[in-house]
């Protein structure tokens, strides 16, 4: 079968190659791949920045934003032939640490977790893949064209869970959400905010293309002014930061409502320096009981939350997020950014 593979930490090694078809174990689902979402992590691995092949292999099958259809499932389980499924990305470490032992493997304490398509386990970028039934999640059949959005939705489902847990330290009835960045994570964060009945604002630099319309279709308000101007006007109760841009991060932290919550989901590049009023930011955070937290990855609970969120979304809106589809035979094209890209998808089924 064909798969999208890479030699980790080797720039220019991304290729569609022949690999053996997997053999399912007794508790595995055998899944025909439908589509694969491409994100910044995949592009970083393709550039050779990081990534780890399975033990004894030179190449890693790439891809963690999965979508497939069950070809065969273990008898007596919760899955059946024809089910639409996604596979969980992370696996708990073998020791395990306290968090992994309790099913919170997204919060692994010792870093010995593994991840499909990233760290020591082949990903979902192949025409056929297997997944242990405990790490598969069924999707609403209506999501056949957009189910690869599940994994990024888990990221924001976890972010919202963490925000609501922090908010529960006191009376918490947020009214206004500010999302910075209108990429897939930002748009999905806005979707989940709108599903919670919040007044949603999204900031991004672009003034044309699909992003403003996608935001407005949620009933949210799109801004393209600098965050340093937008955030003080809004004084949001909650901020979900999805750009990883240092200046944007500090501009949002400095301009929330009292005991505001800022959740950071964008990963900033190291080495870039800013002049910030650290004393002023610290003073405001202390005097207003503000909280800043980071959130990444997801566990099974967040996958189920994400499945519910997508099932309750407008499928036409989700389809508009997928701005480009390429066949597996031309998968490398998905790694070249184009001006109006929001989410690029690789179609794995070329039959």
Protein backbone atom coordinates (compact mmCIF):
# COMPACT_ATOMS: atom_id res chain seq x y z
CA UNK A 1 0.00 0.00 0.00
CA UNK A 2 0.99 3.64 -0.33
CA UNK A 3 1.79 5.91 2.60
CA UNK A 4 3.17 9.37 3.27
CA UNK A 5 6.52 8.85 4.98
CA UNK A 6 9.55 10.81 6.13
CA UNK A 7 13.00 10.13 7.54
CA UNK A 8 12.81 12.10 10.80
CA UNK A 9 15.25 14.98 11.18
CA UNK A 10 16.17 14.71 7.50
CA UNK A 11 14.99 17.69 5.41
CA UNK A 12 13.72 16.83 1.95
CA UNK A 13 12.90 13.20 2.80
CA UNK A 14 9.09 13.55 2.58
CA UNK A 15 7.73 11.08 0.01
CA UNK A 16 4.84 8.78 -0.85
CA UNK A 17 6.31 5.28 -0.55
CA UNK A 18 5.25 1.65 -0.55
CA UNK A 19 4.90 0.13 2.92
CA UNK A 20 3.55 -3.25 4.09
CA UNK A 21 -0.17 -3.35 4.82
CA UNK A 22 -0.63 -3.59 8.61
CA UNK A 23 -1.78 -6.74 10.33
CA UNK A 24 -4.34 -6.06 13.06
CA UNK A 25 -3.90 -7.59 16.48
CA UNK A 26 -6.80 -9.23 18.32
CA UNK A 27 -7.97 -5.92 19.80
CA UNK A 28 -7.27 -3.75 16.74
CA UNK A 29 -9.57 -2.18 14.20
CA UNK A 30 -8.53 -2.51 10.57
CA UNK A 31 -9.35 0.82 8.95
CA UNK A 32 -9.43 2.07 5.38
CA UNK A 33 -7.99 5.59 5.39
CA UNK A 34 -10.26 8.28 3.99
CA UNK A 35 -8.38 11.51 4.57
CA UNK A 36 -5.58 13.13 6.54
CA UNK A 37 -5.38 16.71 7.76
CA UNK A 38 -2.06 18.52 7.50
CA UNK A 39 -0.96 20.90 10.25
CA UNK A 40 2.09 22.85 11.37
CA UNK A 41 3.48 19.87 13.27
CA UNK A 42 3.54 17.78 10.09
CA UNK A 43 5.33 20.56 8.23
CA UNK A 44 7.93 20.90 10.97
CA UNK A 45 8.62 17.16 10.87
CA UNK A 46 8.87 17.31 7.07
CA UNK A 47 11.41 20.13 7.41
CA UNK A 48 13.53 17.86 9.61
CA UNK A 49 13.05 19.83 12.83
CA UNK A 50 12.07 16.80 14.92
CA UNK A 51 10.23 13.46 14.76
CA UNK A 52 11.14 9.92 15.81
CA UNK A 53 10.69 6.75 13.72
CA UNK A 54 9.50 3.50 15.32
CA UNK A 55 12.27 1.33 16.71
CA UNK A 56 14.10 -0.50 13.94
CA UNK A 57 12.66 1.66 11.14
CA UNK A 58 14.29 4.40 9.12
CA UNK A 59 11.06 6.03 7.95
CA UNK A 60 8.04 7.25 9.91
CA UNK A 61 4.52 7.16 8.44
CA UNK A 62 3.40 10.74 8.92
CA UNK A 63 0.00 12.06 9.93
CA UNK A 64 -2.04 12.42 13.11
CA UNK A 65 -5.24 14.17 11.93
CA UNK A 66 -6.92 10.93 10.90
CA UNK A 67 -10.20 9.85 9.36
CA UNK A 68 -11.08 6.35 8.25
CA UNK A 69 -13.77 3.72 7.89
CA UNK A 70 -13.67 0.42 9.74
CA UNK A 71 -13.06 -2.56 7.46
CA UNK A 72 -12.95 -5.12 10.25
CA UNK A 73 -13.42 -4.96 14.04
CA UNK A 74 -13.01 -7.41 16.93
CA UNK A 75 -16.17 -9.34 17.72
CA UNK A 76 -18.16 -8.27 20.73
CA UNK A 77 -16.78 -4.74 20.77
CA UNK A 78 -18.26 -1.29 20.29
CA UNK A 79 -17.20 -0.93 16.65
CA UNK A 80 -18.60 -2.44 13.48
CA UNK A 81 -17.70 -2.58 9.82
CA UNK A 82 -18.51 0.72 8.14
CA UNK A 83 -18.12 2.91 11.24
CA UNK A 84 -16.47 6.28 10.67
CA UNK A 85 -13.56 6.59 13.11
CA UNK A 86 -10.53 8.61 14.08
CA UNK A 87 -7.53 7.38 16.01
CA UNK A 88 -6.19 8.98 19.16
CA UNK A 89 -2.69 10.44 18.72
CA UNK A 90 -0.92 10.01 22.04
CA UNK A 91 -0.26 6.82 24.03
CA UNK A 92 0.68 6.73 27.70
CA UNK A 93 4.27 6.14 28.70
CA UNK A 94 5.18 2.55 29.65
CA UNK A 95 6.12 3.23 33.27
CA UNK A 96 3.55 4.98 33.60
CA UNK A 97 3.71 8.37 35.32
CA UNK A 98 0.88 9.35 37.66
CA UNK A 99 -0.99 11.28 34.99
CA UNK A 100 -0.73 8.53 32.35
CA UNK A 101 -1.81 5.92 34.89
CA UNK A 102 -5.04 7.84 35.39
CA UNK A 103 -5.85 8.28 31.70
CA UNK A 104 -4.54 11.85 31.57
CA UNK A 105 -1.77 11.00 29.12
CA UNK A 106 -2.01 14.43 27.52
CA UNK A 107 -0.42 15.68 30.77
CA UNK A 108 2.44 13.12 30.84
CA UNK A 109 5.02 14.11 33.46
CA UNK A 110 8.13 12.26 32.26
CA UNK A 111 7.94 12.77 28.49
CA UNK A 112 8.04 9.06 27.68
CA UNK A 113 4.68 9.05 25.90
CA UNK A 114 4.54 8.06 22.22
CA UNK A 115 2.48 9.65 19.43
CA UNK A 116 1.12 8.39 16.13
CA UNK A 117 2.89 10.06 13.23
CA UNK A 118 5.19 12.07 15.49
CA UNK A 119 7.04 10.05 18.11
CA UNK A 120 7.96 6.39 17.73
CA UNK A 121 4.65 5.12 16.27
CA UNK A 122 3.61 5.22 12.62
CA UNK A 123 0.90 7.71 11.87
CA UNK A 124 -2.36 7.58 9.96
CA UNK A 125 -1.09 8.79 6.57
CA UNK A 126 -1.59 5.46 4.79
CA UNK A 127 -4.29 3.86 2.69
CA UNK A 128 -4.92 1.31 5.45
CA UNK A 129 -4.14 1.60 9.15
CA UNK A 130 -4.85 -0.16 12.41
CA UNK A 131 -5.71 1.22 15.82
CA UNK A 132 -6.39 -0.44 19.16
CA UNK A 133 -10.10 -0.24 19.88
CA UNK A 134 -9.40 1.60 23.15
CA UNK A 135 -7.83 4.43 21.13
CA UNK A 136 -10.49 4.80 18.45
CA UNK A 137 -13.46 7.16 18.55
CA UNK A 138 -16.58 6.86 16.41
CA UNK A 139 -17.86 9.89 14.50
CA UNK A 140 -21.30 10.93 13.33
CA UNK A 141 -21.73 9.54 9.77
CA UNK A 142 -22.55 13.08 8.55
CA UNK A 143 -18.89 14.01 9.10
CA UNK A 144 -17.47 11.81 6.34
CA UNK A 145 -16.10 14.83 4.45
CA UNK A 146 -14.82 16.74 7.48
CA UNK A 147 -14.01 14.21 10.20
CA UNK A 148 -10.27 14.86 9.86
CA UNK A 149 -11.02 18.08 11.78
CA UNK A 150 -11.55 15.93 14.87
CA UNK A 151 -7.96 16.02 16.15
CA UNK A 152 -7.60 19.84 16.07
CA UNK A 153 -11.04 20.03 17.69
CA UNK A 154 -9.75 17.88 20.56
CA UNK A 155 -7.07 20.48 21.20
CA UNK A 156 -9.65 23.22 21.72
CA UNK A 157 -12.02 20.89 23.57
CA UNK A 158 -9.25 20.35 26.11
CA UNK A 159 -8.52 24.09 26.18
CA UNK A 160 -12.17 24.81 26.99
CA UNK A 161 -12.23 22.11 29.66
CA UNK A 162 -9.17 23.64 31.33
CA UNK A 163 -10.62 27.17 31.10
CA UNK A 164 -13.86 26.04 32.72
CA UNK A 165 -12.04 24.18 35.47
CA UNK A 166 -9.99 27.29 36.29
CA UNK A 167 -13.09 29.47 36.13
CA UNK A 168 -14.84 27.20 38.64
CA UNK A 169 -12.47 28.47 41.39
CA UNK A 170 -15.02 31.29 41.79
CA UNK A 171 -18.27 32.55 40.26
CA UNK A 172 -17.73 32.18 36.54
CA UNK A 173 -20.17 33.34 33.90
CA UNK A 174 -18.00 34.56 31.02
CA UNK A 175 -19.69 36.71 28.41
CA UNK A 176 -16.96 37.66 25.95
CA UNK A 177 -14.36 35.49 24.21
CA UNK A 178 -11.41 36.75 22.20
CA UNK A 179 -9.66 34.31 19.87
CA UNK A 180 -6.35 35.38 18.37
CA UNK A 181 -5.67 33.78 15.01
CA UNK A 182 -8.19 32.47 12.47
CA UNK A 183 -6.40 29.30 11.46
CA UNK A 184 -8.01 25.90 12.14
CA UNK A 185 -7.39 25.99 15.91
CA UNK A 186 -8.66 29.56 16.22
CA UNK A 187 -11.77 28.91 14.13
CA UNK A 188 -12.59 25.73 16.04
CA UNK A 189 -12.04 27.55 19.35
CA UNK A 190 -14.51 30.18 18.12
CA UNK A 191 -16.96 27.42 17.13
CA UNK A 192 -16.88 25.93 20.62
CA UNK A 193 -17.23 29.43 22.10
CA UNK A 194 -20.31 30.09 19.98
CA UNK A 195 -21.75 26.73 21.05
CA UNK A 196 -21.41 27.99 24.63
CA UNK A 197 -23.45 31.08 23.83
CA UNK A 198 -20.58 33.56 24.23
CA UNK A 199 -20.02 36.82 22.40
CA UNK A 200 -17.13 35.73 20.20
CA UNK A 201 -14.46 37.98 18.68
CA UNK A 202 -11.67 36.74 16.40
CA UNK A 203 -8.54 38.71 15.46
CA UNK A 204 -6.43 37.92 12.40
CA UNK A 205 -4.32 40.01 10.06
CA UNK A 206 -5.98 39.08 6.77
CA UNK A 207 -8.75 41.21 5.32
CA UNK A 208 -9.90 38.92 2.49
CA UNK A 209 -10.06 35.21 1.69
CA UNK A 210 -12.28 32.74 3.56
CA UNK A 211 -11.41 33.61 7.16
CA UNK A 212 -13.60 36.71 7.70
CA UNK A 213 -16.60 34.92 6.22
CA UNK A 214 -16.06 31.80 8.31
CA UNK A 215 -15.98 33.93 11.47
CA UNK A 216 -19.10 35.89 10.52
CA UNK A 217 -20.97 32.67 9.66
CA UNK A 218 -20.58 31.67 13.33
CA UNK A 219 -22.28 34.89 14.38
CA UNK A 220 -18.91 36.10 15.65
CA UNK A 221 -17.14 39.41 15.03
CA UNK A 222 -13.98 39.54 12.93
CA UNK A 223 -11.23 42.10 13.61
CA UNK A 224 -8.08 42.76 11.61
CA UNK A 225 -6.74 45.61 13.76
CA UNK A 226 -3.73 44.84 15.99
CA UNK A 227 -4.53 42.90 19.16
CA UNK A 228 -3.01 45.76 21.16
CA UNK A 229 -5.94 47.89 19.95
CA UNK A 230 -8.71 45.28 19.97
CA UNK A 231 -8.14 43.65 23.37
CA UNK A 232 -8.31 46.85 25.48
CA UNK A 233 -11.64 47.75 23.83
CA UNK A 234 -13.13 44.34 24.51
CA UNK A 235 -11.63 43.40 27.90
CA UNK A 236 -12.47 39.75 27.22
CA UNK A 237 -13.33 37.35 30.01
CA UNK A 238 -11.59 34.52 28.14
CA UNK A 239 -8.83 34.56 25.55
CA UNK A 240 -7.77 31.57 23.47
CA UNK A 241 -4.43 32.47 21.89
CA UNK A 242 -3.76 30.47 18.72
CA UNK A 243 -0.93 32.33 16.98
CA UNK A 244 2.14 31.72 19.14
CA UNK A 245 3.29 35.27 18.34
CA UNK A 246 5.02 36.67 21.42
CA UNK A 247 3.71 40.22 21.10
CA UNK A 248 0.14 38.94 20.69
CA UNK A 249 0.50 36.74 23.77
CA UNK A 250 1.55 39.62 26.01
CA UNK A 251 -0.98 42.05 24.54
CA UNK A 252 -3.80 39.68 25.44
CA UNK A 253 -2.46 38.89 28.91
CA UNK A 254 -2.35 42.63 29.66
CA UNK A 255 -5.91 43.37 28.55
CA UNK A 256 -8.39 40.90 30.00
CA UNK A 257 -11.33 41.61 32.28
CA UNK A 258 -10.76 41.09 36.03
CA UNK A 259 -9.89 37.46 36.78
CA UNK A 260 -9.66 36.85 33.08
CA UNK A 261 -8.32 33.58 31.75
CA UNK A 262 -5.84 33.38 28.87
CA UNK A 263 -5.28 29.91 27.39
CA UNK A 264 -2.21 29.59 25.17
CA UNK A 265 -2.49 27.00 22.39
CA UNK A 266 0.01 28.44 19.89
CA UNK A 267 3.63 27.31 20.18
CA UNK A 268 6.10 30.18 19.89
CA UNK A 269 9.50 29.79 18.22
CA UNK A 270 12.41 30.11 20.63
CA UNK A 271 14.94 32.92 20.45
CA UNK A 272 12.69 35.87 19.63
CA UNK A 273 12.92 38.63 22.24
CA UNK A 274 10.48 41.38 23.21
CA UNK A 275 10.58 44.40 25.47
CA UNK A 276 7.66 43.95 27.88
CA UNK A 277 6.57 45.69 31.05
CA UNK A 278 6.98 42.57 33.19
CA UNK A 279 6.27 44.46 36.39
CA UNK A 280 3.05 45.94 35.04
CA UNK A 281 1.85 42.60 33.73
CA UNK A 282 2.65 40.89 37.02
CA UNK A 283 0.88 43.65 38.97
CA UNK A 284 -2.29 43.38 36.88
CA UNK A 285 -2.35 39.58 37.06
CA UNK A 286 -2.02 39.58 40.84
CA UNK A 287 -4.47 42.41 41.53
CA UNK A 288 -7.07 41.04 39.12
CA UNK A 289 -6.64 37.32 39.94
CA UNK A 290 -5.85 36.61 36.29
CA UNK A 291 -4.70 33.22 35.04
CA UNK A 292 -2.52 32.22 32.09
CA UNK A 293 -2.32 28.55 31.19
CA UNK A 294 -0.90 26.46 28.38
CA UNK A 295 -2.74 23.58 26.76
CA UNK A 296 -1.62 20.98 24.23
CA UNK A 297 -2.68 17.52 23.05
CA UNK A 298 -5.76 15.65 24.29
CA UNK A 299 -6.90 12.46 26.00
CA UNK A 300 -9.87 10.20 25.28
CA UNK A 301 -12.29 12.42 27.18
CA UNK A 302 -11.42 15.36 24.93
CA UNK A 303 -11.88 13.24 21.81
CA UNK A 304 -15.42 12.44 22.92
CA UNK A 305 -16.07 16.10 23.67
CA UNK A 306 -14.77 17.00 20.23
CA UNK A 307 -16.95 14.36 18.55
CA UNK A 308 -20.00 15.89 20.24
CA UNK A 309 -18.97 19.41 19.22
CA UNK A 310 -18.52 18.44 15.57
CA UNK A 311 -21.79 16.51 15.55
CA UNK A 312 -23.53 19.68 16.73
CA UNK A 313 -21.84 21.94 14.18
CA UNK A 314 -23.03 23.08 10.76
CA UNK A 315 -21.40 20.56 8.41
CA UNK A 316 -21.45 23.06 5.54
CA UNK A 317 -19.43 25.48 7.71
CA UNK A 318 -16.93 22.74 8.53
CA UNK A 319 -16.59 21.95 4.81
CA UNK A 320 -15.74 25.60 4.13
CA UNK A 321 -12.82 25.27 6.55
CA UNK A 322 -11.30 22.64 4.25
CA UNK A 323 -9.99 24.98 1.59
CA UNK A 324 -7.81 22.53 -0.36
CA UNK A 325 -7.76 18.78 -1.01
CA UNK A 326 -4.95 16.91 -2.74
CA UNK A 327 -4.68 13.19 -3.60
CA UNK A 328 -2.16 11.01 -1.80
CA UNK A 329 -0.14 10.69 -5.02
CA UNK A 330 0.52 14.45 -4.84
CA UNK A 331 0.69 14.72 -1.05
CA UNK A 332 3.81 16.89 -1.10
CA UNK A 333 1.67 19.74 -2.51
CA UNK A 334 -0.20 19.90 0.80
CA UNK A 335 3.01 21.08 2.49
CA UNK A 336 3.31 24.20 0.31
CA UNK A 337 1.31 27.04 1.84
CA UNK A 338 -1.01 29.05 -0.38
CA UNK A 339 -2.47 32.47 0.43
CA UNK A 340 -6.07 31.40 1.14
CA UNK A 341 -5.33 28.10 2.88
CA UNK A 342 -7.20 27.37 6.08
CA UNK A 343 -7.09 23.58 6.30
CA UNK A 344 -5.43 21.41 3.66
CA UNK A 345 -6.41 17.76 3.46
CA UNK A 346 -4.84 14.73 1.75
CA UNK A 347 -7.34 12.28 0.29
CA UNK A 348 -6.06 8.77 1.04
CA UNK A 349 -8.67 6.85 -0.94
CA UNK A 350 -7.64 7.11 -4.59
CA UNK A 351 -9.84 4.27 -5.85
